Amino acid sequence: MGDTNYFSGIVKLLENPVQSFIKNQTLTTTCQVEIPQIRQNKSIILVFWGNLAQEVKNYYQVNDYILIEGYISIKENKSNYLSKSPKKIIITVLKVSPFLLNSHL
């Protein structure tokens, strides 16, 4: 079990949100993001649940900046022990608002 903390901030989407179902019932959407900063950026995984998951999939795309609020989980990266970072950061998002969106033309 990982440590948890609350996060509120602006992130940049690095990939289009991807939807999946857990046990064929609960809709989730995940995407990889980065926190814009001067220092070296690390990618973070966002997880959205339920209706929020559907909204994120419909309205946001790569290179959009969004304002999020949610809980941070830091978990051991067991899938690749040769990885540079032994831990991965996951944020379960509770609220999302657009900040800077690319034109969807």
C-alpha atoms as a PDB file:
ATOM      1  CA  MET A   1       0.000   0.000   0.000  1.00  0.00           C
ATOM      2  CA  GLY A   2       1.364   3.418  -0.930  1.00  0.00           C
ATOM      3  CA  ASP A   3       1.453   6.744   0.844  1.00  0.00           C
ATOM      4  CA  THR A   4      -1.276   9.224  -0.109  1.00  0.00           C
ATOM      5  CA  ASN A   5      -1.461  13.027  -0.219  1.00  0.00           C
ATOM      6  CA  TYR A   6      -3.751  15.610  -1.790  1.00  0.00           C
ATOM      7  CA  PHE A   7      -2.633  17.413  -4.975  1.00  0.00           C
ATOM      8  CA  SER A   8      -4.005  20.482  -6.721  1.00  0.00           C
ATOM      9  CA  GLY A   9      -2.243  21.908  -9.760  1.00  0.00           C
ATOM     10  CA  ILE A  10      -1.873  22.309 -13.497  1.00  0.00           C
ATOM     11  CA  VAL A  11      -0.674  19.411 -15.650  1.00  0.00           C
ATOM     12  CA  LYS A  12       0.028  18.924 -19.370  1.00  0.00           C
ATOM     13  CA  LEU A  13      -1.401  15.857 -21.139  1.00  0.00           C
ATOM     14  CA  LEU A  14       1.319  13.816 -22.873  1.00  0.00           C
ATOM     15  CA  GLU A  15      -1.071  11.336 -24.487  1.00  0.00           C
ATOM     16  CA  ASN A  16      -4.739  11.067 -25.347  1.00  0.00           C
ATOM     17  CA  PRO A  17      -6.873   9.659 -22.508  1.00  0.00           C
ATOM     18  CA  VAL A  18      -7.531   5.903 -22.789  1.00  0.00           C
ATOM     19  CA  GLN A  19     -10.722   4.308 -21.449  1.00  0.00           C
ATOM     20  CA  SER A  20     -11.141   0.873 -19.912  1.00  0.00           C
ATOM     21  CA  PHE A  21     -13.634  -1.009 -17.769  1.00  0.00           C
ATOM     22  CA  ILE A  22     -12.941  -2.679 -14.442  1.00  0.00           C
ATOM     23  CA  LYS A  23     -14.869  -5.948 -14.092  1.00  0.00           C
ATOM     24  CA  ASN A  24     -16.987  -4.854 -17.096  1.00  0.00           C
ATOM     25  CA  GLN A  25     -18.862  -2.332 -14.934  1.00  0.00           C
ATOM     26  CA  THR A  26     -16.822   0.671 -13.833  1.00  0.00           C
ATOM     27  CA  LEU A  27     -15.496   3.057 -16.472  1.00  0.00           C
ATOM     28  CA  THR A  28     -11.973   4.424 -15.920  1.00  0.00           C
ATOM     29  CA  THR A  29      -9.831   6.698 -18.044  1.00  0.00           C
ATOM     30  CA  THR A  30      -6.058   6.957 -17.703  1.00  0.00           C
ATOM     31  CA  CYS A  31      -3.504   9.246 -19.292  1.00  0.00           C
ATOM     32  CA  GLN A  32       0.101  10.216 -18.829  1.00  0.00           C
ATOM     33  CA  VAL A  33       0.852  13.840 -17.870  1.00  0.00           C
ATOM     34  CA  GLU A  34       3.686  16.031 -16.666  1.00  0.00           C
ATOM     35  CA  ILE A  35       3.766  18.915 -14.220  1.00  0.00           C
ATOM     36  CA  PRO A  36       5.183  21.956 -16.048  1.00  0.00           C
ATOM     37  CA  GLN A  37       8.220  23.224 -14.168  1.00  0.00           C
ATOM     38  CA  ILE A  38      11.777  24.352 -14.745  1.00  0.00           C
ATOM     39  CA  ARG A  39      13.350  21.243 -13.214  1.00  0.00           C
ATOM     40  CA  GLN A  40      13.488  17.858 -14.927  1.00  0.00           C
ATOM     41  CA  ASN A  41       9.927  16.651 -15.554  1.00  0.00           C
ATOM     42  CA  LYS A  42       8.668  13.222 -14.565  1.00  0.00           C
ATOM     43  CA  SER A  43       5.632  11.650 -16.124  1.00  0.00           C
ATOM     44  CA  ILE A  44       2.673  11.002 -13.854  1.00  0.00           C
ATOM     45  CA  ILE A  45      -0.351   8.787 -14.461  1.00  0.00           C
ATOM     46  CA  LEU A  46      -3.826  10.267 -13.944  1.00  0.00           C
ATOM     47  CA  VAL A  47      -6.818   8.034 -13.242  1.00  0.00           C
ATOM     48  CA  PHE A  48     -10.404   9.264 -13.683  1.00  0.00           C
ATOM     49  CA  TRP A  49     -13.502   7.285 -12.605  1.00  0.00           C
ATOM     50  CA  GLY A  50     -17.169   7.182 -13.690  1.00  0.00           C
ATOM     51  CA  ASN A  51     -18.769  10.218 -15.334  1.00  0.00           C
ATOM     52  CA  LEU A  52     -15.574  12.240 -14.966  1.00  0.00           C
ATOM     53  CA  ALA A  53     -13.767   9.543 -16.967  1.00  0.00           C
ATOM     54  CA  GLN A  54     -16.221   9.985 -19.861  1.00  0.00           C
ATOM     55  CA  GLU A  55     -15.922  13.794 -19.802  1.00  0.00           C
ATOM     56  CA  VAL A  56     -12.123  13.684 -19.879  1.00  0.00           C
ATOM     57  CA  LYS A  57     -12.138  11.291 -22.847  1.00  0.00           C
ATOM     58  CA  ASN A  58     -14.588  13.517 -24.759  1.00  0.00           C
ATOM     59  CA  TYR A  59     -13.053  16.948 -24.138  1.00  0.00           C
ATOM     60  CA  TYR A  60      -9.292  16.687 -23.639  1.00  0.00           C
ATOM     61  CA  GLN A  61      -6.404  15.687 -25.915  1.00  0.00           C
ATOM     62  CA  VAL A  62      -2.582  15.730 -26.152  1.00  0.00           C
ATOM     63  CA  ASN A  63      -0.853  19.009 -25.141  1.00  0.00           C
ATOM     64  CA  ASP A  64      -3.900  20.372 -23.270  1.00  0.00           C
ATOM     65  CA  TYR A  65      -3.259  21.916 -19.868  1.00  0.00           C
ATOM     66  CA  ILE A  66      -5.802  21.081 -17.185  1.00  0.00           C
ATOM     67  CA  LEU A  67      -6.267  22.034 -13.542  1.00  0.00           C
ATOM     68  CA  ILE A  68      -6.780  18.938 -11.391  1.00  0.00           C
ATOM     69  CA  GLU A  69      -7.466  18.030  -7.772  1.00  0.00           C
ATOM     70  CA  GLY A  70      -6.971  14.546  -6.420  1.00  0.00           C
ATOM     71  CA  TYR A  71      -5.029  12.099  -4.300  1.00  0.00           C
ATOM     72  CA  ILE A  72      -1.430  11.108  -4.997  1.00  0.00           C
ATOM     73  CA  SER A  73      -0.331   7.507  -4.612  1.00  0.00           C
ATOM     74  CA  ILE A  74       3.322   6.566  -4.783  1.00  0.00           C
ATOM     75  CA  LYS A  75       3.766   2.909  -5.642  1.00  0.00           C
ATOM     76  CA  GLU A  76       6.702   0.639  -6.282  1.00  0.00           C
ATOM     77  CA  ASN A  77       7.308   0.025  -9.993  1.00  0.00           C
ATOM     78  CA  LYS A  78       7.437  -3.784  -9.949  1.00  0.00           C
ATOM     79  CA  SER A  79       6.893  -4.186 -13.694  1.00  0.00           C
ATOM     80  CA  ASN A  80      10.380  -3.048 -14.689  1.00  0.00           C
ATOM     81  CA  TYR A  81      13.124  -3.411 -12.113  1.00  0.00           C
ATOM     82  CA  LEU A  82      15.670  -1.882 -14.540  1.00  0.00           C
ATOM     83  CA  SER A  83      13.715   1.362 -14.706  1.00  0.00           C
ATOM     84  CA  LYS A  84      15.463   4.613 -13.725  1.00  0.00           C
ATOM     85  CA  SER A  85      12.670   5.393 -11.281  1.00  0.00           C
ATOM     86  CA  PRO A  86      11.767   2.561  -8.877  1.00  0.00           C
ATOM     87  CA  LYS A  87       8.519   4.345  -7.970  1.00  0.00           C
ATOM     88  CA  LYS A  88       5.619   5.541 -10.069  1.00  0.00           C
ATOM     89  CA  ILE A  89       3.269   8.384  -9.214  1.00  0.00           C
ATOM     90  CA  ILE A  90      -0.476   7.967  -9.737  1.00  0.00           C
ATOM     91  CA  ILE A  91      -3.053  10.693  -9.125  1.00  0.00           C
ATOM     92  CA  THR A  92      -6.698   9.699  -8.711  1.00  0.00           C
ATOM     93  CA  VAL A  93      -8.489  12.813  -9.947  1.00  0.00           C
ATOM     94  CA  LEU A  94     -11.612  14.103  -8.189  1.00  0.00           C
ATOM     95  CA  LYS A  95     -12.053  17.431 -10.046  1.00  0.00           C
ATOM     96  CA  VAL A  96     -10.832  18.667 -13.424  1.00  0.00           C
ATOM     97  CA  SER A  97     -11.115  22.058 -15.148  1.00  0.00           C
ATOM     98  CA  PRO A  98      -9.772  23.254 -18.493  1.00  0.00           C
ATOM     99  CA  PHE A  99      -6.834  25.659 -18.352  1.00  0.00           C
ATOM    100  CA  LEU A 100      -5.309  25.930 -21.843  1.00  0.00           C
ATOM    101  CA  LEU A 101      -6.831  23.784 -24.564  1.00  0.00           C
ATOM    102  CA  ASN A 102      -5.603  23.220 -28.109  1.00  0.00           C
ATOM    103  CA  SER A 103      -8.060  24.017 -30.870  1.00  0.00           C
ATOM    104  CA  HIS A 104      -9.929  20.853 -31.848  1.00  0.00           C
ATOM    105  CA  LEU A 105     -10.207  21.797 -35.534  1.00  0.00           C
END
